[in-house]
Amino acid sequence: MKKYGLYFLIAVALLSAGCNKKPESPNPRPDNNPPIQQQAGAPMNQATASQPTVKNIKPQDEPIYITVYQTVQGSNLNNASYQVAENTKALALLKTSHKVETTDYGSLGEMVKGIDGAVARIDQFWAFYVNGKLANEGAGAYTLKNNDKIEWKLNSVNSYQPNSK
């Protein structure tokens, strides 16, 4: 009987030693991993709290900037140079640097009517030059390149002569 009593005391001692131990979480999270935070505006409920959704977010690449030189004939808003993001269109640069009036011709694009209050008369148009030559495409289609020299000149319709090749 003493033998059974000794086994009983050992069993009770072992069981009571484990009672002070905290139960392990079914999904332990290492301390070096911060908790996933709820996205702003998303309602938090038991489902989202217990099983958060993780989106794989790709880090944004830093934009590449290029230098472009632009002048508008007769404007007092000209700068020596402009830093613009790569793939910027010439018309977008003009619109951010000057007060521009355009007419939208749908699939043909926009035509500049006025810049900084200088509106083309019926016998004039705003000509768009790239590196000293009259552009072969509209400013809304032309993608700026590093060190481009863009000029906007108010030309007479009668003086228009397309670039010869």
C-alpha atoms as a PDB file:
ATOM      1  CA  MET A   1       0.000   0.000   0.000  1.00  0.00           C
ATOM      2  CA  LYS A   2       2.856   2.338   0.742  1.00  0.00           C
ATOM      3  CA  LYS A   3       4.050   1.693  -2.778  1.00  0.00           C
ATOM      4  CA  TYR A   4       0.721   2.904  -4.286  1.00  0.00           C
ATOM      5  CA  GLY A   5       0.694   5.943  -1.991  1.00  0.00           C
ATOM      6  CA  LEU A   6       4.156   6.926  -3.144  1.00  0.00           C
ATOM      7  CA  TYR A   7       3.121   6.621  -6.815  1.00  0.00           C
ATOM      8  CA  PHE A   8       0.012   8.664  -6.078  1.00  0.00           C
ATOM      9  CA  LEU A   9       2.024  11.480  -4.445  1.00  0.00           C
ATOM     10  CA  ILE A  10       4.494  11.557  -7.353  1.00  0.00           C
ATOM     11  CA  ALA A  11       1.635  11.731  -9.872  1.00  0.00           C
ATOM     12  CA  VAL A  12      -0.076  14.549  -7.941  1.00  0.00           C
ATOM     13  CA  ALA A  13       3.216  16.456  -7.689  1.00  0.00           C
ATOM     14  CA  LEU A  14       3.841  16.137 -11.430  1.00  0.00           C
ATOM     15  CA  LEU A  15       0.307  17.200 -12.305  1.00  0.00           C
ATOM     16  CA  SER A  16       0.336  20.184  -9.955  1.00  0.00           C
ATOM     17  CA  ALA A  17       3.709  21.345 -11.315  1.00  0.00           C
ATOM     18  CA  GLY A  18       2.143  21.667 -14.789  1.00  0.00           C
ATOM     19  CA  CYS A  19      -0.920  23.600 -13.536  1.00  0.00           C
ATOM     20  CA  ASN A  20       0.979  26.899 -13.165  1.00  0.00           C
ATOM     21  CA  LYS A  21       2.192  26.775 -16.751  1.00  0.00           C
ATOM     22  CA  LYS A  22       0.299  28.969 -19.260  1.00  0.00           C
ATOM     23  CA  PRO A  23      -1.300  27.006 -22.080  1.00  0.00           C
ATOM     24  CA  GLU A  24       0.410  27.552 -25.432  1.00  0.00           C
ATOM     25  CA  SER A  25      -1.464  29.431 -28.128  1.00  0.00           C
ATOM     26  CA  PRO A  26      -2.507  27.184 -31.030  1.00  0.00           C
ATOM     27  CA  ASN A  27      -0.761  29.636 -33.430  1.00  0.00           C
ATOM     28  CA  PRO A  28       2.159  31.171 -31.539  1.00  0.00           C
ATOM     29  CA  ARG A  29       3.538  34.350 -33.112  1.00  0.00           C
ATOM     30  CA  PRO A  30       7.221  35.196 -32.609  1.00  0.00           C
ATOM     31  CA  ASP A  31       7.776  38.532 -30.872  1.00  0.00           C
ATOM     32  CA  ASN A  32       9.778  39.903 -33.808  1.00  0.00           C
ATOM     33  CA  ASN A  33       6.716  39.825 -36.115  1.00  0.00           C
ATOM     34  CA  PRO A  34       4.380  42.749 -35.394  1.00  0.00           C
ATOM     35  CA  PRO A  35       0.649  42.150 -35.529  1.00  0.00           C
ATOM     36  CA  ILE A  36      -1.138  42.825 -38.797  1.00  0.00           C
ATOM     37  CA  GLN A  37      -3.020  46.084 -38.561  1.00  0.00           C
ATOM     38  CA  GLN A  38      -6.483  46.624 -39.886  1.00  0.00           C
ATOM     39  CA  GLN A  39      -6.762  48.722 -43.017  1.00  0.00           C
ATOM     40  CA  ALA A  40      -8.399  52.099 -42.540  1.00  0.00           C
ATOM     41  CA  GLY A  41     -12.115  52.009 -43.171  1.00  0.00           C
ATOM     42  CA  ALA A  42     -12.404  48.210 -43.024  1.00  0.00           C
ATOM     43  CA  PRO A  43     -14.872  47.039 -40.357  1.00  0.00           C
ATOM     44  CA  MET A  44     -13.253  44.871 -37.696  1.00  0.00           C
ATOM     45  CA  ASN A  45     -15.273  41.807 -36.743  1.00  0.00           C
ATOM     46  CA  GLN A  46     -14.423  38.453 -35.232  1.00  0.00           C
ATOM     47  CA  ALA A  47     -13.640  36.932 -38.625  1.00  0.00           C
ATOM     48  CA  THR A  48     -11.179  39.676 -39.566  1.00  0.00           C
ATOM     49  CA  ALA A  49      -9.715  39.794 -36.074  1.00  0.00           C
ATOM     50  CA  SER A  50      -9.002  36.080 -35.944  1.00  0.00           C
ATOM     51  CA  GLN A  51      -7.971  35.625 -39.594  1.00  0.00           C
ATOM     52  CA  PRO A  52      -6.556  38.888 -40.997  1.00  0.00           C
ATOM     53  CA  THR A  53      -6.112  39.217 -44.728  1.00  0.00           C
ATOM     54  CA  VAL A  54      -2.627  40.077 -45.884  1.00  0.00           C
ATOM     55  CA  LYS A  55      -2.195  41.774 -49.253  1.00  0.00           C
ATOM     56  CA  ASN A  56       1.073  41.401 -51.079  1.00  0.00           C
ATOM     57  CA  ILE A  57       1.999  45.028 -51.665  1.00  0.00           C
ATOM     58  CA  LYS A  58       4.784  45.665 -54.168  1.00  0.00           C
ATOM     59  CA  PRO A  59       6.961  48.618 -53.189  1.00  0.00           C
ATOM     60  CA  GLN A  60       6.648  51.564 -55.549  1.00  0.00           C
ATOM     61  CA  ASP A  61       9.662  52.251 -57.721  1.00  0.00           C
ATOM     62  CA  GLU A  62      11.131  55.687 -57.357  1.00  0.00           C
ATOM     63  CA  PRO A  63      10.149  57.824 -60.363  1.00  0.00           C
ATOM     64  CA  ILE A  64      12.873  58.772 -62.796  1.00  0.00           C
ATOM     65  CA  TYR A  65      13.105  62.478 -63.537  1.00  0.00           C
ATOM     66  CA  ILE A  66      14.399  64.146 -66.674  1.00  0.00           C
ATOM     67  CA  THR A  67      15.342  67.743 -67.416  1.00  0.00           C
ATOM     68  CA  VAL A  68      13.390  69.614 -70.083  1.00  0.00           C
ATOM     69  CA  TYR A  69      13.727  73.195 -71.300  1.00  0.00           C
ATOM     70  CA  GLN A  70      10.520  74.956 -72.300  1.00  0.00           C
ATOM     71  CA  THR A  71       9.791  78.481 -73.421  1.00  0.00           C
ATOM     72  CA  VAL A  72       6.547  80.120 -74.394  1.00  0.00           C
ATOM     73  CA  GLN A  73       6.848  83.126 -76.670  1.00  0.00           C
ATOM     74  CA  GLY A  74       5.827  86.280 -74.812  1.00  0.00           C
ATOM     75  CA  SER A  75       5.180  84.599 -71.438  1.00  0.00           C
ATOM     76  CA  ASN A  76       6.528  85.860 -68.141  1.00  0.00           C
ATOM     77  CA  LEU A  77       6.049  82.410 -66.524  1.00  0.00           C
ATOM     78  CA  ASN A  78       8.995  80.726 -68.271  1.00  0.00           C
ATOM     79  CA  ASN A  79      11.557  78.868 -66.148  1.00  0.00           C
ATOM     80  CA  ALA A  80      15.108  78.004 -67.170  1.00  0.00           C
ATOM     81  CA  SER A  81      14.403  74.270 -66.920  1.00  0.00           C
ATOM     82  CA  TYR A  82      11.862  71.795 -65.587  1.00  0.00           C
ATOM     83  CA  GLN A  83      12.282  68.482 -63.780  1.00  0.00           C
ATOM     84  CA  VAL A  84       9.538  66.121 -64.959  1.00  0.00           C
ATOM     85  CA  ALA A  85       8.840  62.435 -64.490  1.00  0.00           C
ATOM     86  CA  GLU A  86       9.894  60.164 -67.285  1.00  0.00           C
ATOM     87  CA  ASN A  87       7.075  59.527 -69.835  1.00  0.00           C
ATOM     88  CA  THR A  88       5.523  62.966 -69.291  1.00  0.00           C
ATOM     89  CA  LYS A  89       3.740  64.383 -72.328  1.00  0.00           C
ATOM     90  CA  ALA A  90       4.622  67.865 -73.614  1.00  0.00           C
ATOM     91  CA  LEU A  91       1.060  69.134 -73.177  1.00  0.00           C
ATOM     92  CA  ALA A  92       1.028  67.962 -69.538  1.00  0.00           C
ATOM     93  CA  LEU A  93       4.186  69.995 -68.846  1.00  0.00           C
ATOM     94  CA  LEU A  94       2.672  73.049 -70.519  1.00  0.00           C
ATOM     95  CA  LYS A  95      -0.526  72.730 -68.462  1.00  0.00           C
ATOM     96  CA  THR A  96       1.369  72.459 -65.170  1.00  0.00           C
ATOM     97  CA  SER A  97       3.687  75.376 -65.896  1.00  0.00           C
ATOM     98  CA  HIS A  98       1.363  77.860 -67.682  1.00  0.00           C
ATOM     99  CA  LYS A  99      -2.289  78.873 -67.916  1.00  0.00           C
ATOM    100  CA  VAL A 100      -3.512  76.960 -70.961  1.00  0.00           C
ATOM    101  CA  GLU A 101      -6.737  77.020 -72.980  1.00  0.00           C
ATOM    102  CA  THR A 102      -7.382  74.066 -75.294  1.00  0.00           C
ATOM    103  CA  THR A 103     -10.060  72.713 -77.592  1.00  0.00           C
ATOM    104  CA  ASP A 104     -10.630  68.967 -77.427  1.00  0.00           C
ATOM    105  CA  TYR A 105     -10.999  67.288 -80.822  1.00  0.00           C
ATOM    106  CA  GLY A 106     -11.756  63.814 -79.470  1.00  0.00           C
ATOM    107  CA  SER A 107      -9.552  61.119 -80.964  1.00  0.00           C
ATOM    108  CA  LEU A 108      -7.358  63.795 -82.592  1.00  0.00           C
ATOM    109  CA  GLY A 109      -6.457  65.199 -79.177  1.00  0.00           C
ATOM    110  CA  GLU A 110      -6.363  68.713 -77.779  1.00  0.00           C
ATOM    111  CA  MET A 111      -5.281  71.814 -79.642  1.00  0.00           C
ATOM    112  CA  VAL A 112      -3.795  74.722 -77.727  1.00  0.00           C
ATOM    113  CA  LYS A 113      -5.859  77.896 -78.211  1.00  0.00           C
ATOM    114  CA  GLY A 114      -4.223  80.151 -75.656  1.00  0.00           C
ATOM    115  CA  ILE A 115      -1.264  80.284 -73.303  1.00  0.00           C
ATOM    116  CA  ASP A 116      -1.073  82.737 -70.395  1.00  0.00           C
ATOM    117  CA  GLY A 117      -3.880  84.838 -71.876  1.00  0.00           C
ATOM    118  CA  ALA A 118      -2.423  85.035 -75.399  1.00  0.00           C
ATOM    119  CA  VAL A 119      -5.174  83.463 -77.500  1.00  0.00           C
ATOM    120  CA  ALA A 120      -4.535  82.601 -81.137  1.00  0.00           C
ATOM    121  CA  ARG A 121      -6.601  84.613 -83.611  1.00  0.00           C
ATOM    122  CA  ILE A 122      -8.419  82.924 -86.508  1.00  0.00           C
ATOM    123  CA  ASP A 123      -5.307  83.335 -88.704  1.00  0.00           C
ATOM    124  CA  GLN A 124      -2.883  82.056 -86.023  1.00  0.00           C
ATOM    125  CA  PHE A 125      -2.029  78.873 -84.163  1.00  0.00           C
ATOM    126  CA  TRP A 126       0.218  77.888 -81.287  1.00  0.00           C
ATOM    127  CA  ALA A 127       3.116  75.977 -82.888  1.00  0.00           C
ATOM    128  CA  PHE A 128       4.930  73.340 -80.853  1.00  0.00           C
ATOM    129  CA  TYR A 129       8.670  72.957 -81.569  1.00  0.00           C
ATOM    130  CA  VAL A 130      10.979  70.189 -80.307  1.00  0.00           C
ATOM    131  CA  ASN A 131      14.708  70.877 -80.424  1.00  0.00           C
ATOM    132  CA  GLY A 132      14.271  73.649 -82.981  1.00  0.00           C
ATOM    133  CA  LYS A 133      11.969  71.771 -85.375  1.00  0.00           C
ATOM    134  CA  LEU A 134       8.215  71.973 -85.743  1.00  0.00           C
ATOM    135  CA  ALA A 135       6.824  68.837 -84.094  1.00  0.00           C
ATOM    136  CA  ASN A 136       5.422  66.073 -86.294  1.00  0.00           C
ATOM    137  CA  GLU A 137       2.891  65.063 -83.631  1.00  0.00           C
ATOM    138  CA  GLY A 138       0.650  66.832 -81.167  1.00  0.00           C
ATOM    139  CA  ALA A 139       1.878  67.947 -77.766  1.00  0.00           C
ATOM    140  CA  GLY A 140      -0.590  65.560 -76.104  1.00  0.00           C
ATOM    141  CA  ALA A 141       1.059  62.608 -77.861  1.00  0.00           C
ATOM    142  CA  TYR A 142       4.710  63.667 -77.668  1.00  0.00           C
ATOM    143  CA  THR A 143       6.646  62.023 -74.814  1.00  0.00           C
ATOM    144  CA  LEU A 144       9.357  64.307 -73.480  1.00  0.00           C
ATOM    145  CA  LYS A 145      12.958  63.125 -73.584  1.00  0.00           C
ATOM    146  CA  ASN A 146      15.862  64.199 -71.389  1.00  0.00           C
ATOM    147  CA  ASN A 147      17.277  67.591 -72.420  1.00  0.00           C
ATOM    148  CA  ASP A 148      14.483  68.321 -74.927  1.00  0.00           C
ATOM    149  CA  LYS A 149      14.099  71.983 -75.794  1.00  0.00           C
ATOM    150  CA  ILE A 150      10.392  72.729 -76.180  1.00  0.00           C
ATOM    151  CA  GLU A 151       9.234  76.025 -77.681  1.00  0.00           C
ATOM    152  CA  TRP A 152       5.714  77.353 -78.071  1.00  0.00           C
ATOM    153  CA  LYS A 153       5.370  80.088 -80.685  1.00  0.00           C
ATOM    154  CA  LEU A 154       2.332  81.919 -81.949  1.00  0.00           C
ATOM    155  CA  ASN A 155       2.569  81.409 -85.741  1.00  0.00           C
ATOM    156  CA  SER A 156       0.561  82.704 -88.648  1.00  0.00           C
ATOM    157  CA  VAL A 157      -1.483  80.164 -90.603  1.00  0.00           C
ATOM    158  CA  ASN A 158      -0.116  81.702 -93.829  1.00  0.00           C
ATOM    159  CA  SER A 159       3.497  81.087 -92.757  1.00  0.00           C
ATOM    160  CA  TYR A 160       3.010  77.383 -91.962  1.00  0.00           C
ATOM    161  CA  GLN A 161       5.459  75.156 -93.798  1.00  0.00           C
ATOM    162  CA  PRO A 162       5.746  71.547 -92.648  1.00  0.00           C
ATOM    163  CA  ASN A 163       9.225  70.142 -92.027  1.00  0.00           C
ATOM    164  CA  SER A 164      10.756  68.841 -95.223  1.00  0.00           C
ATOM    165  CA  LYS A 165      12.526  65.505 -95.132  1.00  0.00           C
END
